[in-house]
N, C-alpha and C. Protein backbone atom coordinates (compact mmCIF):
# COMPACT_ATOMS: atom_id res chain seq x y z
N UNK A 1 2.60 -163.00 55.44
CA UNK A 1 2.09 -163.74 54.32
C UNK A 1 0.89 -164.54 54.81
N UNK A 2 -0.24 -164.43 54.15
CA UNK A 2 -1.41 -165.23 54.53
C UNK A 2 -1.09 -166.73 54.46
N UNK A 3 -1.73 -167.49 55.33
CA UNK A 3 -1.45 -168.93 55.42
C UNK A 3 -1.65 -169.63 54.08
N UNK A 4 -2.68 -169.24 53.34
CA UNK A 4 -2.95 -169.88 52.05
C UNK A 4 -1.81 -169.66 51.05
N UNK A 5 -1.28 -168.46 51.02
CA UNK A 5 -0.17 -168.15 50.13
C UNK A 5 1.08 -168.89 50.57
N UNK A 6 1.30 -168.93 51.88
CA UNK A 6 2.48 -169.64 52.40
C UNK A 6 2.42 -171.11 52.02
N UNK A 7 1.23 -171.71 52.17
CA UNK A 7 1.07 -173.13 51.79
C UNK A 7 1.32 -173.32 50.29
N UNK A 8 0.84 -172.41 49.49
CA UNK A 8 1.04 -172.49 48.05
C UNK A 8 2.53 -172.38 47.69
N UNK A 9 3.21 -171.45 48.34
CA UNK A 9 4.65 -171.28 48.09
C UNK A 9 5.42 -172.52 48.52
N UNK A 10 5.10 -173.06 49.70
CA UNK A 10 5.78 -174.27 50.16
C UNK A 10 5.46 -175.46 49.27
N UNK A 11 4.26 -175.51 48.72
CA UNK A 11 3.91 -176.59 47.79
C UNK A 11 4.75 -176.50 46.52
N UNK A 12 5.07 -175.29 46.11
CA UNK A 12 5.92 -175.13 44.92
C UNK A 12 7.35 -175.56 45.20
N UNK A 13 7.82 -175.30 46.41
CA UNK A 13 9.15 -175.79 46.79
C UNK A 13 9.13 -177.31 46.84
N UNK A 14 8.05 -177.88 47.37
CA UNK A 14 7.93 -179.34 47.42
C UNK A 14 7.96 -179.93 46.02
N UNK A 15 7.32 -179.26 45.08
CA UNK A 15 7.33 -179.73 43.69
C UNK A 15 8.75 -179.70 43.13
N UNK A 16 9.49 -178.64 43.42
CA UNK A 16 10.89 -178.58 43.00
C UNK A 16 11.69 -179.73 43.61
N UNK A 17 11.44 -180.00 44.89
CA UNK A 17 12.15 -181.09 45.56
C UNK A 17 11.83 -182.44 44.90
N UNK A 18 10.60 -182.63 44.51
CA UNK A 18 10.21 -183.87 43.84
C UNK A 18 10.95 -184.03 42.51
N UNK A 19 11.11 -182.93 41.78
CA UNK A 19 11.88 -182.99 40.53
C UNK A 19 13.32 -183.39 40.81
N UNK A 20 13.91 -182.79 41.84
CA UNK A 20 15.31 -183.11 42.18
C UNK A 20 15.42 -184.55 42.67
N UNK A 21 14.47 -184.99 43.50
CA UNK A 21 14.49 -186.37 43.99
C UNK A 21 14.43 -187.37 42.85
N UNK A 22 13.70 -187.03 41.80
CA UNK A 22 13.55 -187.94 40.65
C UNK A 22 14.84 -188.06 39.84
N UNK A 23 15.78 -187.14 40.05
CA UNK A 23 17.03 -187.17 39.29
C UNK A 23 17.98 -188.26 39.78
N UNK A 24 17.89 -188.60 41.05
CA UNK A 24 18.80 -189.60 41.59
C UNK A 24 19.01 -189.42 43.08
N UNK A 25 20.02 -190.08 43.62
CA UNK A 25 20.25 -190.05 45.06
C UNK A 25 20.50 -188.62 45.56
N UNK A 26 19.94 -188.31 46.74
CA UNK A 26 20.09 -186.95 47.28
C UNK A 26 21.55 -186.50 47.40
N UNK A 27 22.42 -187.39 47.74
CA UNK A 27 23.84 -187.04 47.89
C UNK A 27 24.42 -186.47 46.60
N UNK A 28 23.96 -186.99 45.47
CA UNK A 28 24.46 -186.54 44.18
C UNK A 28 23.99 -185.12 43.84
N UNK A 29 22.91 -184.71 44.46
CA UNK A 29 22.32 -183.39 44.17
C UNK A 29 22.21 -182.56 45.45
N UNK A 30 23.18 -182.70 46.33
CA UNK A 30 23.10 -182.05 47.64
C UNK A 30 23.10 -180.53 47.56
N UNK A 31 23.73 -179.96 46.56
CA UNK A 31 23.71 -178.50 46.43
C UNK A 31 22.29 -178.02 46.16
N UNK A 32 21.58 -178.73 45.29
CA UNK A 32 20.20 -178.35 45.00
C UNK A 32 19.32 -178.54 46.23
N UNK A 33 19.55 -179.63 46.96
CA UNK A 33 18.77 -179.86 48.18
C UNK A 33 19.04 -178.77 49.22
N UNK A 34 20.28 -178.32 49.30
CA UNK A 34 20.61 -177.25 50.23
C UNK A 34 19.88 -175.95 49.90
N UNK A 35 19.79 -175.63 48.63
CA UNK A 35 19.06 -174.43 48.23
C UNK A 35 17.58 -174.59 48.51
N UNK A 36 17.04 -175.78 48.29
CA UNK A 36 15.63 -176.01 48.59
C UNK A 36 15.37 -175.90 50.09
N UNK A 37 16.31 -176.38 50.90
CA UNK A 37 16.18 -176.23 52.36
C UNK A 37 16.14 -174.75 52.74
N UNK A 38 16.99 -173.94 52.10
CA UNK A 38 17.02 -172.51 52.39
C UNK A 38 15.71 -171.84 51.95
N UNK A 39 15.15 -172.27 50.82
CA UNK A 39 13.86 -171.73 50.37
C UNK A 39 12.76 -172.05 51.37
N UNK A 40 12.73 -173.29 51.83
CA UNK A 40 11.73 -173.68 52.82
C UNK A 40 11.88 -172.86 54.10
N UNK A 41 13.11 -172.64 54.50
CA UNK A 41 13.38 -171.87 55.70
C UNK A 41 12.88 -170.43 55.54
N UNK A 42 13.07 -169.84 54.38
CA UNK A 42 12.60 -168.49 54.11
C UNK A 42 11.08 -168.40 54.20
N UNK A 43 10.40 -169.40 53.65
CA UNK A 43 8.95 -169.34 53.51
C UNK A 43 8.17 -169.90 54.69
N UNK A 44 8.81 -170.72 55.49
CA UNK A 44 8.11 -171.52 56.49
C UNK A 44 7.24 -170.71 57.46
N UNK A 45 7.75 -169.63 57.98
CA UNK A 45 6.98 -168.87 58.97
C UNK A 45 6.15 -167.74 58.35
N UNK A 46 6.26 -167.57 57.04
CA UNK A 46 5.49 -166.53 56.37
C UNK A 46 6.14 -165.17 56.39
N UNK A 47 7.22 -165.02 57.11
CA UNK A 47 7.93 -163.74 57.20
C UNK A 47 9.20 -163.84 56.36
N UNK A 48 9.02 -163.79 55.06
CA UNK A 48 10.13 -164.01 54.15
C UNK A 48 10.60 -162.71 53.51
N UNK A 49 11.78 -162.76 52.96
CA UNK A 49 12.31 -161.67 52.15
C UNK A 49 12.09 -162.07 50.70
N UNK A 50 11.32 -161.28 49.96
CA UNK A 50 11.07 -161.65 48.56
C UNK A 50 12.37 -161.65 47.77
N UNK A 51 13.29 -160.73 48.13
CA UNK A 51 14.57 -160.71 47.44
C UNK A 51 15.35 -162.00 47.69
N UNK A 52 15.30 -162.48 48.91
CA UNK A 52 16.00 -163.73 49.23
C UNK A 52 15.39 -164.89 48.46
N UNK A 53 14.06 -164.94 48.40
CA UNK A 53 13.40 -166.02 47.65
C UNK A 53 13.78 -165.95 46.18
N UNK A 54 13.78 -164.75 45.62
CA UNK A 54 14.14 -164.60 44.21
C UNK A 54 15.58 -165.04 43.97
N UNK A 55 16.47 -164.62 44.85
CA UNK A 55 17.89 -164.98 44.67
C UNK A 55 18.12 -166.48 44.86
N UNK A 56 17.40 -167.07 45.80
CA UNK A 56 17.52 -168.52 45.99
C UNK A 56 17.01 -169.28 44.77
N UNK A 57 15.95 -168.80 44.16
CA UNK A 57 15.46 -169.45 42.93
C UNK A 57 16.48 -169.29 41.81
N UNK A 58 17.09 -168.11 41.73
CA UNK A 58 18.15 -167.90 40.74
C UNK A 58 19.33 -168.84 41.00
N UNK A 59 19.71 -168.97 42.28
CA UNK A 59 20.80 -169.87 42.64
C UNK A 59 20.45 -171.32 42.31
N UNK A 60 19.20 -171.68 42.56
CA UNK A 60 18.76 -173.04 42.24
C UNK A 60 18.94 -173.32 40.75
N UNK A 61 18.47 -172.41 39.91
CA UNK A 61 18.58 -172.61 38.47
C UNK A 61 20.03 -172.59 37.99
N UNK A 62 20.83 -171.70 38.55
CA UNK A 62 22.24 -171.65 38.16
C UNK A 62 22.97 -172.92 38.58
N UNK A 63 22.65 -173.42 39.76
CA UNK A 63 23.28 -174.65 40.24
C UNK A 63 22.82 -175.85 39.44
N UNK A 64 21.56 -175.87 39.05
CA UNK A 64 21.05 -176.98 38.23
C UNK A 64 21.83 -177.10 36.93
N UNK A 65 22.33 -175.97 36.42
CA UNK A 65 23.11 -176.00 35.19
C UNK A 65 24.44 -176.75 35.36
N UNK A 66 24.89 -176.92 36.60
CA UNK A 66 26.14 -177.65 36.84
C UNK A 66 25.99 -179.14 36.60
N UNK A 67 24.75 -179.61 36.65
CA UNK A 67 24.47 -181.03 36.49
C UNK A 67 24.02 -181.32 35.07
N UNK A 68 24.21 -182.54 34.66
CA UNK A 68 23.78 -182.96 33.32
C UNK A 68 22.33 -183.42 33.39
N UNK A 69 21.42 -182.48 33.50
CA UNK A 69 20.00 -182.78 33.64
C UNK A 69 19.37 -182.74 32.25
N UNK A 70 18.65 -183.79 31.88
CA UNK A 70 17.99 -183.78 30.57
C UNK A 70 17.08 -182.55 30.41
N UNK A 71 16.87 -182.17 29.18
CA UNK A 71 16.15 -180.92 28.87
C UNK A 71 14.73 -180.87 29.46
N UNK A 72 13.98 -181.94 29.32
CA UNK A 72 12.58 -181.92 29.79
C UNK A 72 12.49 -181.68 31.30
N UNK A 73 13.21 -182.45 32.14
CA UNK A 73 13.15 -182.17 33.58
C UNK A 73 13.72 -180.79 33.93
N UNK A 74 14.75 -180.38 33.23
CA UNK A 74 15.34 -179.06 33.49
C UNK A 74 14.31 -177.97 33.21
N UNK A 75 13.56 -178.12 32.14
CA UNK A 75 12.53 -177.13 31.81
C UNK A 75 11.42 -177.11 32.86
N UNK A 76 11.04 -178.29 33.35
CA UNK A 76 10.00 -178.36 34.39
C UNK A 76 10.48 -177.69 35.67
N UNK A 77 11.74 -177.91 36.01
CA UNK A 77 12.29 -177.28 37.21
C UNK A 77 12.33 -175.77 37.04
N UNK A 78 12.71 -175.31 35.87
CA UNK A 78 12.75 -173.87 35.63
C UNK A 78 11.35 -173.26 35.72
N UNK A 79 10.37 -173.93 35.13
CA UNK A 79 8.98 -173.45 35.21
C UNK A 79 8.51 -173.36 36.66
N UNK A 80 8.83 -174.39 37.45
CA UNK A 80 8.40 -174.41 38.85
C UNK A 80 9.08 -173.30 39.66
N UNK A 81 10.36 -173.08 39.41
CA UNK A 81 11.09 -172.02 40.13
C UNK A 81 10.53 -170.65 39.74
N UNK A 82 10.25 -170.46 38.47
CA UNK A 82 9.69 -169.18 38.01
C UNK A 82 8.30 -168.96 38.58
N UNK A 83 7.52 -170.03 38.71
CA UNK A 83 6.18 -169.92 39.29
C UNK A 83 6.26 -169.49 40.75
N UNK A 84 7.27 -169.97 41.46
CA UNK A 84 7.46 -169.57 42.85
C UNK A 84 7.81 -168.08 42.93
N UNK A 85 8.71 -167.63 42.07
CA UNK A 85 9.08 -166.21 42.05
C UNK A 85 7.86 -165.35 41.72
N UNK A 86 7.07 -165.78 40.76
CA UNK A 86 5.87 -165.04 40.38
C UNK A 86 4.91 -164.92 41.57
N UNK A 87 4.70 -166.02 42.27
CA UNK A 87 3.82 -166.01 43.44
C UNK A 87 4.31 -165.02 44.49
N UNK A 88 5.59 -165.05 44.76
CA UNK A 88 6.18 -164.17 45.77
C UNK A 88 6.10 -162.71 45.32
N UNK A 89 6.34 -162.45 44.06
CA UNK A 89 6.28 -161.10 43.54
C UNK A 89 4.87 -160.54 43.58
N UNK A 90 3.89 -161.38 43.30
CA UNK A 90 2.49 -160.92 43.31
C UNK A 90 2.02 -160.59 44.71
N UNK A 91 2.65 -161.15 45.72
CA UNK A 91 2.21 -160.97 47.12
C UNK A 91 3.02 -159.94 47.86
N UNK A 92 3.82 -159.15 47.18
CA UNK A 92 4.64 -158.15 47.89
C UNK A 92 3.87 -156.95 48.29
């Protein structure tokens, strides 16, 4: 993965993390943080599995449904996760 694309993908994960951080204490949302950690790990060196990134984004969204997240932030998180999948898919 070219460095520019890797930085863009990691920036999208950072945006997802910011949304989760805004929800409350990290301990309360540790499952979401764990999935974000796994996404960062997949993307960090540029040698990622697009299937793994897609599945982790799916897991992130499915896990977010376990929490009582207001509609507006939930929609922003979904948009950000979908944007990450789109970026990864375009670079395959």
